[in-house]
Amino acid sequence: NLEGKPTPLPMINRYLARLGLQTQGSWKQITYDVKLTHKNA
């Protein structure tokens, strides 16, 4: 919300599931320090 109180992840995933998506809640705004751990060729 506007005060920064996080929305429960199950509520967000219920909404996203209707769109065929899912989140784990671990968003990275800056990706320069992300390491690739698995890739699907």
PDB file of all heavy atoms in Angstrom:
ATOM      1  N   ASN A   1       0.854  -1.186   0.000  1.00  0.00           N
ATOM      2  CA  ASN A   1       0.000   0.000   0.000  1.00  0.00           C
ATOM      3  C   ASN A   1       0.891   1.238   0.000  1.00  0.00           C
ATOM      4  O   ASN A   1       2.122   1.132  -0.005  1.00  0.00           O
ATOM      5  CB  ASN A   1      -0.996  -0.028   1.160  1.00  0.00           C
ATOM      6  CG  ASN A   1      -0.341   0.094   2.522  1.00  0.00           C
ATOM      7  OD1 ASN A   1       0.821   0.448   2.658  1.00  0.00           O
ATOM      8  ND2 ASN A   1      -1.100  -0.219   3.549  1.00  0.00           N
ATOM      9  N   LEU A   2       0.299   2.408   0.033  1.00  0.00           N
ATOM     10  CA  LEU A   2       1.078   3.643  -0.062  1.00  0.00           C
ATOM     11  C   LEU A   2       1.968   3.884   1.146  1.00  0.00           C
ATOM     12  O   LEU A   2       2.960   4.598   1.056  1.00  0.00           O
ATOM     13  CB  LEU A   2       0.144   4.840  -0.269  1.00  0.00           C
ATOM     14  CG  LEU A   2      -0.633   4.825  -1.582  1.00  0.00           C
ATOM     15  CD1 LEU A   2      -1.545   6.031  -1.674  1.00  0.00           C
ATOM     16  CD2 LEU A   2       0.297   4.762  -2.783  1.00  0.00           C
ATOM     17  N   GLU A   3       1.648   3.257   2.271  1.00  0.00           N
ATOM     18  CA  GLU A   3       2.492   3.376   3.478  1.00  0.00           C
ATOM     19  C   GLU A   3       3.626   2.359   3.467  1.00  0.00           C
ATOM     20  O   GLU A   3       4.428   2.323   4.378  1.00  0.00           O
ATOM     21  CB  GLU A   3       1.642   3.202   4.740  1.00  0.00           C
ATOM     22  CG  GLU A   3       0.668   4.343   5.000  1.00  0.00           C
ATOM     23  CD  GLU A   3      -0.577   4.270   4.121  1.00  0.00           C
ATOM     24  OE1 GLU A   3      -1.088   3.148   3.886  1.00  0.00           O
ATOM     25  OE2 GLU A   3      -1.024   5.329   3.655  1.00  0.00           O
ATOM     26  N   GLY A   4       3.668   1.491   2.471  1.00  0.00           N
ATOM     27  CA  GLY A   4       4.732   0.499   2.366  1.00  0.00           C
ATOM     28  C   GLY A   4       4.416  -0.847   2.979  1.00  0.00           C
ATOM     29  O   GLY A   4       5.269  -1.735   2.993  1.00  0.00           O
ATOM     30  N   LYS A   5       3.207  -1.020   3.514  1.00  0.00           N
ATOM     31  CA  LYS A   5       2.833  -2.320   4.096  1.00  0.00           C
ATOM     32  C   LYS A   5       2.686  -3.336   2.966  1.00  0.00           C
ATOM     33  O   LYS A   5       1.869  -3.173   2.062  1.00  0.00           O
ATOM     34  CB  LYS A   5       1.524  -2.205   4.861  1.00  0.00           C
ATOM     35  CG  LYS A   5       1.103  -3.518   5.493  1.00  0.00           C
ATOM     36  CD  LYS A   5      -0.215  -3.397   6.224  1.00  0.00           C
ATOM     37  CE  LYS A   5      -0.610  -4.766   6.774  1.00  0.00           C
ATOM     38  NZ  LYS A   5      -1.977  -4.761   7.283  1.00  0.00           N
ATOM     39  N   PRO A   6       3.480  -4.419   3.000  1.00  0.00           N
ATOM     40  CA  PRO A   6       3.444  -5.395   1.912  1.00  0.00           C
ATOM     41  C   PRO A   6       2.117  -6.150   1.831  1.00  0.00           C
ATOM     42  O   PRO A   6       1.486  -6.444   2.839  1.00  0.00           O
ATOM     43  CB  PRO A   6       4.587  -6.366   2.219  1.00  0.00           C
ATOM     44  CG  PRO A   6       5.190  -5.939   3.499  1.00  0.00           C
ATOM     45  CD  PRO A   6       4.455  -4.759   4.025  1.00  0.00           C
ATOM     46  N   THR A   7       1.734  -6.453   0.628  1.00  0.00           N
ATOM     47  CA  THR A   7       0.554  -7.277   0.372  1.00  0.00           C
ATOM     48  C   THR A   7       0.953  -8.736   0.554  1.00  0.00           C
ATOM     49  O   THR A   7       2.019  -9.141   0.082  1.00  0.00           O
ATOM     50  CB  THR A   7       0.053  -7.051  -1.066  1.00  0.00           C
ATOM     51  OG1 THR A   7      -0.172  -5.651  -1.243  1.00  0.00           O
ATOM     52  CG2 THR A   7      -1.226  -7.809  -1.336  1.00  0.00           C
ATOM     53  N   PRO A   8       0.150  -9.548   1.230  1.00  0.00           N
ATOM     54  CA  PRO A   8       0.509 -10.966   1.406  1.00  0.00           C
ATOM     55  C   PRO A   8       0.736 -11.653   0.051  1.00  0.00           C
ATOM     56  O   PRO A   8      -0.071 -11.516  -0.876  1.00  0.00           O
ATOM     57  CB  PRO A   8      -0.704 -11.552   2.128  1.00  0.00           C
ATOM     58  CG  PRO A   8      -1.351 -10.390   2.801  1.00  0.00           C
ATOM     59  CD  PRO A   8      -1.111  -9.212   1.908  1.00  0.00           C
ATOM     60  N   LEU A   9       1.828 -12.381  -0.032  1.00  0.00           N
ATOM     61  CA  LEU A   9       2.209 -13.059  -1.272  1.00  0.00           C
ATOM     62  C   LEU A   9       1.117 -14.002  -1.800  1.00  0.00           C
ATOM     63  O   LEU A   9       0.880 -14.039  -3.012  1.00  0.00           O
ATOM     64  CB  LEU A   9       3.532 -13.802  -1.068  1.00  0.00           C
ATOM     65  CG  LEU A   9       4.292 -14.204  -2.314  1.00  0.00           C
ATOM     66  CD1 LEU A   9       4.594 -13.013  -3.206  1.00  0.00           C
ATOM     67  CD2 LEU A   9       5.578 -14.904  -1.931  1.00  0.00           C
ATOM     68  N   PRO A  10       0.398 -14.750  -0.943  1.00  0.00           N
ATOM     69  CA  PRO A  10      -0.666 -15.607  -1.475  1.00  0.00           C
ATOM     70  C   PRO A  10      -1.764 -14.823  -2.201  1.00  0.00           C
ATOM     71  O   PRO A  10      -2.334 -15.299  -3.179  1.00  0.00           O
ATOM     72  CB  PRO A  10      -1.224 -16.318  -0.235  1.00  0.00           C
ATOM     73  CG  PRO A  10      -0.105 -16.293   0.746  1.00  0.00           C
ATOM     74  CD  PRO A  10       0.632 -15.017   0.486  1.00  0.00           C
ATOM     75  N   MET A  11      -2.057 -13.606  -1.734  1.00  0.00           N
ATOM     76  CA  MET A  11      -3.064 -12.773  -2.399  1.00  0.00           C
ATOM     77  C   MET A  11      -2.579 -12.353  -3.793  1.00  0.00           C
ATOM     78  O   MET A  11      -3.339 -12.375  -4.753  1.00  0.00           O
ATOM     79  CB  MET A  11      -3.362 -11.523  -1.562  1.00  0.00           C
ATOM     80  CG  MET A  11      -4.048 -11.787  -0.255  1.00  0.00           C
ATOM     81  SD  MET A  11      -5.775 -12.224  -0.443  1.00  0.00           S
ATOM     82  CE  MET A  11      -6.457 -10.752  -1.132  1.00  0.00           C
ATOM     83  N   ILE A  12      -1.314 -11.970  -3.874  1.00  0.00           N
ATOM     84  CA  ILE A  12      -0.752 -11.570  -5.168  1.00  0.00           C
ATOM     85  C   ILE A  12      -0.720 -12.765  -6.108  1.00  0.00           C
ATOM     86  O   ILE A  12      -1.079 -12.664  -7.288  1.00  0.00           O
ATOM     87  CB  ILE A  12       0.663 -10.974  -4.991  1.00  0.00           C
ATOM     88  CG1 ILE A  12       0.595  -9.691  -4.157  1.00  0.00           C
ATOM     89  CG2 ILE A  12       1.312 -10.711  -6.346  1.00  0.00           C
ATOM     90  CD1 ILE A  12       1.945  -9.140  -3.767  1.00  0.00           C
ATOM     91  N   ASN A  13      -0.308 -13.931  -5.601  1.00  0.00           N
ATOM     92  CA  ASN A  13      -0.211 -15.118  -6.454  1.00  0.00           C
ATOM     93  C   ASN A  13      -1.582 -15.632  -6.900  1.00  0.00           C
ATOM     94  O   ASN A  13      -1.695 -16.212  -7.972  1.00  0.00           O
ATOM     95  CB  ASN A  13       0.602 -16.209  -5.774  1.00  0.00           C
ATOM     96  CG  ASN A  13       2.084 -16.014  -6.012  1.00  0.00           C
ATOM     97  OD1 ASN A  13       2.492 -15.569  -7.077  1.00  0.00           O
ATOM     98  ND2 ASN A  13       2.885 -16.332  -5.027  1.00  0.00           N
ATOM     99  N   ARG A  14      -2.607 -15.421  -6.108  1.00  0.00           N
ATOM    100  CA  ARG A  14      -3.960 -15.811  -6.549  1.00  0.00           C
ATOM    101  C   ARG A  14      -4.344 -14.988  -7.776  1.00  0.00           C
ATOM    102  O   ARG A  14      -4.879 -15.503  -8.751  1.00  0.00           O
ATOM    103  CB  ARG A  14      -4.972 -15.607  -5.427  1.00  0.00           C
ATOM    104  CG  ARG A  14      -6.386 -15.981  -5.869  1.00  0.00           C
ATOM    105  CD  ARG A  14      -7.363 -15.989  -4.703  1.00  0.00           C
ATOM    106  NE  ARG A  14      -8.653 -16.451  -5.184  1.00  0.00           N
ATOM    107  CZ  ARG A  14      -9.716 -15.674  -5.314  1.00  0.00           C
ATOM    108  NH1 ARG A  14      -9.650 -14.403  -4.968  1.00  0.00           N
ATOM    109  NH2 ARG A  14     -10.845 -16.152  -5.773  1.00  0.00           N
ATOM    110  N   TYR A  15      -4.058 -13.697  -7.717  1.00  0.00           N
ATOM    111  CA  TYR A  15      -4.319 -12.792  -8.839  1.00  0.00           C
ATOM    112  C   TYR A  15      -3.471 -13.196 -10.056  1.00  0.00           C
ATOM    113  O   TYR A  15      -3.984 -13.333 -11.168  1.00  0.00           O
ATOM    114  CB  TYR A  15      -4.010 -11.375  -8.371  1.00  0.00           C
ATOM    115  CG  TYR A  15      -3.984 -10.292  -9.408  1.00  0.00           C
ATOM    116  CD1 TYR A  15      -5.129  -9.911 -10.090  1.00  0.00           C
ATOM    117  CD2 TYR A  15      -2.810  -9.599  -9.665  1.00  0.00           C
ATOM    118  CE1 TYR A  15      -5.108  -8.871 -11.006  1.00  0.00           C
ATOM    119  CE2 TYR A  15      -2.778  -8.560 -10.572  1.00  0.00           C
ATOM    120  CZ  TYR A  15      -3.925  -8.198 -11.246  1.00  0.00           C
ATOM    121  OH  TYR A  15      -3.890  -7.171 -12.148  1.00  0.00           O
ATOM    122  N   LEU A  16      -2.191 -13.403  -9.833  1.00  0.00           N
ATOM    123  CA  LEU A  16      -1.295 -13.764 -10.928  1.00  0.00           C
ATOM    124  C   LEU A  16      -1.629 -15.125 -11.537  1.00  0.00           C
ATOM    125  O   LEU A  16      -1.470 -15.327 -12.739  1.00  0.00           O
ATOM    126  CB  LEU A  16       0.157 -13.747 -10.454  1.00  0.00           C
ATOM    127  CG  LEU A  16       0.774 -12.379 -10.225  1.00  0.00           C
ATOM    128  CD1 LEU A  16       2.162 -12.524  -9.628  1.00  0.00           C
ATOM    129  CD2 LEU A  16       0.820 -11.581 -11.511  1.00  0.00           C
ATOM    130  N   ALA A  17      -2.077 -16.059 -10.700  1.00  0.00           N
ATOM    131  CA  ALA A  17      -2.423 -17.391 -11.203  1.00  0.00           C
ATOM    132  C   ALA A  17      -3.531 -17.304 -12.248  1.00  0.00           C
ATOM    133  O   ALA A  17      -3.563 -18.086 -13.197  1.00  0.00           O
ATOM    134  CB  ALA A  17      -2.834 -18.306 -10.061  1.00  0.00           C
ATOM    135  N   ARG A  18      -4.439 -16.341 -12.076  1.00  0.00           N
ATOM    136  CA  ARG A  18      -5.516 -16.144 -13.046  1.00  0.00           C
ATOM    137  C   ARG A  18      -4.961 -15.709 -14.399  1.00  0.00           C
ATOM    138  O   ARG A  18      -5.607 -15.840 -15.420  1.00  0.00           O
ATOM    139  CB  ARG A  18      -6.498 -15.083 -12.545  1.00  0.00           C
ATOM    140  CG  ARG A  18      -7.008 -15.260 -11.132  1.00  0.00           C
ATOM    141  CD  ARG A  18      -7.959 -16.418 -10.942  1.00  0.00           C
ATOM    142  NE  ARG A  18      -9.212 -16.329 -11.639  1.00  0.00           N
ATOM    143  CZ  ARG A  18     -10.332 -15.812 -11.173  1.00  0.00           C
ATOM    144  NH1 ARG A  18     -10.356 -15.281  -9.974  1.00  0.00           N
ATOM    145  NH2 ARG A  18     -11.426 -15.843 -11.883  1.00  0.00           N
ATOM    146  N   LEU A  19      -3.745 -15.152 -14.374  1.00  0.00           N
ATOM    147  CA  LEU A  19      -3.085 -14.701 -15.596  1.00  0.00           C
ATOM    148  C   LEU A  19      -2.037 -15.703 -16.083  1.00  0.00           C
ATOM    149  O   LEU A  19      -1.320 -15.442 -17.034  1.00  0.00           O
ATOM    150  CB  LEU A  19      -2.419 -13.341 -15.348  1.00  0.00           C
ATOM    151  CG  LEU A  19      -3.333 -12.234 -14.833  1.00  0.00           C
ATOM    152  CD1 LEU A  19      -2.515 -11.017 -14.433  1.00  0.00           C
ATOM    153  CD2 LEU A  19      -4.381 -11.881 -15.859  1.00  0.00           C
ATOM    154  N   GLY A  20      -1.940 -16.839 -15.377  1.00  0.00           N
ATOM    155  CA  GLY A  20      -0.959 -17.860 -15.747  1.00  0.00           C
ATOM    156  C   GLY A  20       0.440 -17.561 -15.247  1.00  0.00           C
ATOM    157  O   GLY A  20       1.416 -18.064 -15.801  1.00  0.00           O
ATOM    158  N   LEU A  21       0.550 -16.756 -14.188  1.00  0.00           N
ATOM    159  CA  LEU A  21       1.855 -16.344 -13.669  1.00  0.00           C
ATOM    160  C   LEU A  21       1.960 -16.643 -12.179  1.00  0.00           C
ATOM    161  O   LEU A  21       0.980 -16.996 -11.527  1.00  0.00           O
ATOM    162  CB  LEU A  21       2.054 -14.842 -13.896  1.00  0.00           C
ATOM    163  CG  LEU A  21       1.986 -14.362 -15.334  1.00  0.00           C
ATOM    164  CD1 LEU A  21       1.942 -12.850 -15.379  1.00  0.00           C
ATOM    165  CD2 LEU A  21       3.147 -14.898 -16.142  1.00  0.00           C
ATOM    166  N   GLN A  22       3.168 -16.466 -11.654  1.00  0.00           N
ATOM    167  CA  GLN A  22       3.412 -16.642 -10.224  1.00  0.00           C
ATOM    168  C   GLN A  22       4.633 -15.814  -9.855  1.00  0.00           C
ATOM    169  O   GLN A  22       5.527 -15.610 -10.671  1.00  0.00           O
ATOM    170  CB  GLN A  22       3.675 -18.104  -9.901  1.00  0.00           C
ATOM    171  CG  GLN A  22       3.958 -18.348  -8.444  1.00  0.00           C
ATOM    172  CD  GLN A  22       4.353 -19.791  -8.159  1.00  0.00           C
ATOM    173  OE1 GLN A  22       4.642 -20.563  -9.063  1.00  0.00           O
ATOM    174  NE2 GLN A  22       4.366 -20.148  -6.897  1.00  0.00           N
ATOM    175  N   THR A  23       4.672 -15.322  -8.622  1.00  0.00           N
ATOM    176  CA  THR A  23       5.845 -14.616  -8.130  1.00  0.00           C
ATOM    177  C   THR A  23       6.335 -15.270  -6.851  1.00  0.00           C
ATOM    178  O   THR A  23       5.549 -15.869  -6.120  1.00  0.00           O
ATOM    179  CB  THR A  23       5.566 -13.118  -7.877  1.00  0.00           C
ATOM    180  OG1 THR A  23       6.788 -12.482  -7.464  1.00  0.00           O
ATOM    181  CG2 THR A  23       4.516 -12.919  -6.806  1.00  0.00           C
ATOM    182  N   GLN A  24       7.627 -15.151  -6.606  1.00  0.00           N
ATOM    183  CA  GLN A  24       8.190 -15.647  -5.357  1.00  0.00           C
ATOM    184  C   GLN A  24       8.478 -14.487  -4.409  1.00  0.00           C
ATOM    185  O   GLN A  24       8.967 -14.683  -3.313  1.00  0.00           O
ATOM    186  CB  GLN A  24       9.460 -16.443  -5.636  1.00  0.00           C
ATOM    187  CG  GLN A  24       9.174 -17.690  -6.432  1.00  0.00           C
ATOM    188  CD  GLN A  24      10.448 -18.419  -6.820  1.00  0.00           C
ATOM    189  OE1 GLN A  24      11.561 -17.903  -6.674  1.00  0.00           O
ATOM    190  NE2 GLN A  24      10.291 -19.626  -7.326  1.00  0.00           N
ATOM    191  N   GLY A  25       8.189 -13.273  -4.881  1.00  0.00           N
ATOM    192  CA  GLY A  25       8.361 -12.105  -4.031  1.00  0.00           C
ATOM    193  C   GLY A  25       9.792 -11.644  -3.880  1.00  0.00           C
ATOM    194  O   GLY A  25      10.096 -10.849  -3.009  1.00  0.00           O
ATOM    195  N   SER A  26      10.692 -12.120  -4.702  1.00  0.00           N
ATOM    196  CA  SER A  26      12.095 -11.720  -4.579  1.00  0.00           C
ATOM    197  C   SER A  26      12.527 -10.951  -5.833  1.00  0.00           C
ATOM    198  O   SER A  26      13.299 -11.428  -6.636  1.00  0.00           O
ATOM    199  CB  SER A  26      12.983 -12.950  -4.377  1.00  0.00           C
ATOM    200  OG  SER A  26      12.783 -13.866  -5.443  1.00  0.00           O
ATOM    201  N   TRP A  27      11.981  -9.768  -5.971  1.00  0.00           N
ATOM    202  CA  TRP A  27      12.259  -8.926  -7.132  1.00  0.00           C
ATOM    203  C   TRP A  27      13.601  -8.233  -6.968  1.00  0.00           C
ATOM    204  O   TRP A  27      13.922  -7.719  -5.907  1.00  0.00           O
ATOM    205  CB  TRP A  27      11.153  -7.884  -7.277  1.00  0.00           C
ATOM    206  CG  TRP A  27      11.414  -6.869  -8.318  1.00  0.00           C
ATOM    207  CD1 TRP A  27      11.778  -5.570  -8.113  1.00  0.00           C
ATOM    208  CD2 TRP A  27      11.331  -7.044  -9.724  1.00  0.00           C
ATOM    209  NE1 TRP A  27      11.918  -4.925  -9.305  1.00  0.00           N
ATOM    210  CE2 TRP A  27      11.651  -5.810 -10.323  1.00  0.00           C
ATOM    211  CE3 TRP A  27      11.019  -8.113 -10.550  1.00  0.00           C
ATOM    212  CZ2 TRP A  27      11.668  -5.633 -11.697  1.00  0.00           C
ATOM    213  CZ3 TRP A  27      11.040  -7.926 -11.915  1.00  0.00           C
ATOM    214  CH2 TRP A  27      11.356  -6.706 -12.469  1.00  0.00           C
ATOM    215  N   LYS A  28      14.399  -8.209  -8.022  1.00  0.00           N
ATOM    216  CA  LYS A  28      15.673  -7.507  -8.025  1.00  0.00           C
ATOM    217  C   LYS A  28      15.536  -6.283  -8.913  1.00  0.00           C
ATOM    218  O   LYS A  28      15.350  -6.403 -10.113  1.00  0.00           O
ATOM    219  CB  LYS A  28      16.795  -8.395  -8.584  1.00  0.00           C
ATOM    220  CG  LYS A  28      17.167  -9.549  -7.717  1.00  0.00           C
ATOM    221  CD  LYS A  28      18.127  -9.087  -6.683  1.00  0.00           C
ATOM    222  CE  LYS A  28      18.707 -10.272  -5.954  1.00  0.00           C
ATOM    223  NZ  LYS A  28      19.449  -9.895  -4.807  1.00  0.00           N
ATOM    224  N   GLN A  29      15.603  -5.102  -8.316  1.00  0.00           N
ATOM    225  CA  GLN A  29      15.507  -3.875  -9.094  1.00  0.00           C
ATOM    226  C   GLN A  29      16.777  -3.663  -9.922  1.00  0.00           C
ATOM    227  O   GLN A  29      16.713  -3.286 -11.073  1.00  0.00           O
ATOM    228  CB  GLN A  29      15.271  -2.679  -8.167  1.00  0.00           C
ATOM    229  CG  GLN A  29      15.012  -1.383  -8.892  1.00  0.00           C
ATOM    230  CD  GLN A  29      13.690  -1.383  -9.633  1.00  0.00           C
ATOM    231  OE1 GLN A  29      12.747  -2.028  -9.228  1.00  0.00           O
ATOM    232  NE2 GLN A  29      13.617  -0.660 -10.719  1.00  0.00           N
ATOM    233  N   ILE A  30      17.933  -3.903  -9.316  1.00  0.00           N
ATOM    234  CA  ILE A  30      19.196  -3.740 -10.014  1.00  0.00           C
ATOM    235  C   ILE A  30      19.780  -5.127 -10.216  1.00  0.00           C
ATOM    236  O   ILE A  30      19.982  -5.879  -9.268  1.00  0.00           O
ATOM    237  CB  ILE A  30      20.164  -2.861  -9.204  1.00  0.00           C
ATOM    238  CG1 ILE A  30      19.527  -1.480  -9.000  1.00  0.00           C
ATOM    239  CG2 ILE A  30      21.505  -2.758  -9.885  1.00  0.00           C
ATOM    240  CD1 ILE A  30      20.275  -0.579  -8.073  1.00  0.00           C
ATOM    241  N   THR A  31      20.066  -5.476 -11.456  1.00  0.00           N
ATOM    242  CA  THR A  31      20.457  -6.857 -11.745  1.00  0.00           C
ATOM    243  C   THR A  31      21.945  -7.037 -12.041  1.00  0.00           C
ATOM    244  O   THR A  31      22.352  -8.111 -12.434  1.00  0.00           O
ATOM    245  CB  THR A  31      19.654  -7.378 -12.952  1.00  0.00           C
ATOM    246  OG1 THR A  31      19.903  -6.542 -14.069  1.00  0.00           O
ATOM    247  CG2 THR A  31      18.179  -7.416 -12.638  1.00  0.00           C
ATOM    248  N   TYR A  32      22.769  -6.028 -11.850  1.00  0.00           N
ATOM    249  CA  TYR A  32      24.174  -6.187 -12.175  1.00  0.00           C
ATOM    250  C   TYR A  32      24.889  -7.196 -11.287  1.00  0.00           C
ATOM    251  O   TYR A  32      25.917  -7.732 -11.656  1.00  0.00           O
ATOM    252  CB  TYR A  32      24.914  -4.849 -12.150  1.00  0.00           C
ATOM    253  CG  TYR A  32      24.963  -4.190 -10.787  1.00  0.00           C
ATOM    254  CD1 TYR A  32      25.926  -4.530  -9.854  1.00  0.00           C
ATOM    255  CD2 TYR A  32      24.042  -3.210 -10.455  1.00  0.00           C
ATOM    256  CE1 TYR A  32      25.959  -3.933  -8.618  1.00  0.00           C
ATOM    257  CE2 TYR A  32      24.065  -2.602  -9.217  1.00  0.00           C
ATOM    258  CZ  TYR A  32      25.032  -2.971  -8.308  1.00  0.00           C
ATOM    259  OH  TYR A  32      25.060  -2.367  -7.084  1.00  0.00           O
ATOM    260  N   ASP A  33      24.347  -7.495 -10.114  1.00  0.00           N
ATOM    261  CA  ASP A  33      25.006  -8.447  -9.218  1.00  0.00           C
ATOM    262  C   ASP A  33      24.325  -9.816  -9.201  1.00  0.00           C
ATOM    263  O   ASP A  33      24.610 -10.645  -8.361  1.00  0.00           O
ATOM    264  CB  ASP A  33      25.086  -7.881  -7.803  1.00  0.00           C
ATOM    265  CG  ASP A  33      23.720  -7.638  -7.187  1.00  0.00           C
ATOM    266  OD1 ASP A  33      22.719  -7.641  -7.932  1.00  0.00           O
ATOM    267  OD2 ASP A  33      23.652  -7.437  -5.971  1.00  0.00           O
ATOM    268  N   VAL A  34      23.455 -10.069 -10.157  1.00  0.00           N
ATOM    269  CA  VAL A  34      22.766 -11.354 -10.226  1.00  0.00           C
ATOM    270  C   VAL A  34      23.672 -12.365 -10.919  1.00  0.00           C
ATOM    271  O   VAL A  34      24.319 -12.069 -11.915  1.00  0.00           O
ATOM    272  CB  VAL A  34      21.429 -11.206 -10.998  1.00  0.00           C
ATOM    273  CG1 VAL A  34      20.791 -12.552 -11.229  1.00  0.00           C
ATOM    274  CG2 VAL A  34      20.491 -10.288 -10.244  1.00  0.00           C
ATOM    275  N   LYS A  35      23.709 -13.583 -10.378  1.00  0.00           N
ATOM    276  CA  LYS A  35      24.518 -14.646 -10.978  1.00  0.00           C
ATOM    277  C   LYS A  35      23.600 -15.699 -11.571  1.00  0.00           C
ATOM    278  O   LYS A  35      22.593 -16.074 -10.972  1.00  0.00           O
ATOM    279  CB  LYS A  35      25.416 -15.291  -9.923  1.00  0.00           C
ATOM    280  CG  LYS A  35      26.468 -14.356  -9.396  1.00  0.00           C
ATOM    281  CD  LYS A  35      27.342 -15.054  -8.377  1.00  0.00           C
ATOM    282  CE  LYS A  35      28.364 -14.066  -7.850  1.00  0.00           C
ATOM    283  NZ  LYS A  35      29.235 -14.666  -6.867  1.00  0.00           N
ATOM    284  N   LEU A  36      23.935 -16.176 -12.733  1.00  0.00           N
ATOM    285  CA  LEU A  36      23.183 -17.224 -13.398  1.00  0.00           C
ATOM    286  C   LEU A  36      23.495 -18.552 -12.724  1.00  0.00           C
ATOM    287  O   LEU A  36      24.647 -18.952 -12.616  1.00  0.00           O
ATOM    288  CB  LEU A  36      23.568 -17.274 -14.883  1.00  0.00           C
ATOM    289  CG  LEU A  36      22.848 -18.288 -15.735  1.00  0.00           C
ATOM    290  CD1 LEU A  36      21.377 -17.928 -15.838  1.00  0.00           C
ATOM    291  CD2 LEU A  36      23.456 -18.349 -17.113  1.00  0.00           C
ATOM    292  N   THR A  37      22.479 -19.233 -12.229  1.00  0.00           N
ATOM    293  CA  THR A  37      22.680 -20.519 -11.554  1.00  0.00           C
ATOM    294  C   THR A  37      22.148 -21.688 -12.369  1.00  0.00           C
ATOM    295  O   THR A  37      22.530 -22.821 -12.138  1.00  0.00           O
ATOM    296  CB  THR A  37      21.993 -20.531 -10.174  1.00  0.00           C
ATOM    297  OG1 THR A  37      20.599 -20.315 -10.347  1.00  0.00           O
ATOM    298  CG2 THR A  37      22.584 -19.462  -9.265  1.00  0.00           C
ATOM    299  N   HIS A  38      21.257 -21.422 -13.302  1.00  0.00           N
ATOM    300  CA  HIS A  38      20.686 -22.485 -14.130  1.00  0.00           C
ATOM    301  C   HIS A  38      20.221 -21.873 -15.437  1.00  0.00           C
ATOM    302  O   HIS A  38      19.723 -20.761 -15.470  1.00  0.00           O
ATOM    303  CB  HIS A  38      19.486 -23.126 -13.427  1.00  0.00           C
ATOM    304  CG  HIS A  38      18.768 -24.124 -14.272  1.00  0.00           C
ATOM    305  ND1 HIS A  38      19.271 -25.386 -14.501  1.00  0.00           N
ATOM    306  CD2 HIS A  38      17.618 -24.046 -14.968  1.00  0.00           C
ATOM    307  CE1 HIS A  38      18.430 -26.038 -15.303  1.00  0.00           C
ATOM    308  NE2 HIS A  38      17.419 -25.233 -15.598  1.00  0.00           N
ATOM    309  N   LYS A  39      20.410 -22.598 -16.526  1.00  0.00           N
ATOM    310  CA  LYS A  39      19.882 -22.119 -17.794  1.00  0.00           C
ATOM    311  C   LYS A  39      19.293 -23.286 -18.567  1.00  0.00           C
ATOM    312  O   LYS A  39      19.787 -24.403 -18.528  1.00  0.00           O
ATOM    313  CB  LYS A  39      20.951 -21.404 -18.608  1.00  0.00           C
ATOM    314  CG  LYS A  39      22.139 -22.252 -19.002  1.00  0.00           C
ATOM    315  CD  LYS A  39      23.141 -21.431 -19.760  1.00  0.00           C
ATOM    316  CE  LYS A  39      24.381 -22.264 -20.073  1.00  0.00           C
ATOM    317  NZ  LYS A  39      25.371 -21.503 -20.813  1.00  0.00           N
ATOM    318  N   ASN A  40      18.195 -23.005 -19.215  1.00  0.00           N
ATOM    319  CA  ASN A  40      17.506 -23.982 -20.046  1.00  0.00           C
ATOM    320  C   ASN A  40      17.896 -23.674 -21.490  1.00  0.00           C
ATOM    321  O   ASN A  40      17.524 -22.636 -22.033  1.00  0.00           O
ATOM    322  CB  ASN A  40      15.995 -23.859 -19.839  1.00  0.00           C
ATOM    323  CG  ASN A  40      15.217 -24.877 -20.642  1.00  0.00           C
ATOM    324  OD1 ASN A  40      15.694 -25.383 -21.656  1.00  0.00           O
ATOM    325  ND2 ASN A  40      14.013 -25.160 -20.191  1.00  0.00           N
ATOM    326  N   ALA A  41      18.620 -24.556 -22.115  1.00  0.00           N
ATOM    327  CA  ALA A  41      19.159 -24.312 -23.452  1.00  0.00           C
ATOM    328  C   ALA A  41      18.072 -24.070 -24.500  1.00  0.00           C
ATOM    329  O   ALA A  41      18.331 -23.441 -25.525  1.00  0.00           O
ATOM    330  CB  ALA A  41      20.039 -25.488 -23.878  1.00  0.00           C
TER     331      ALA A  41
END
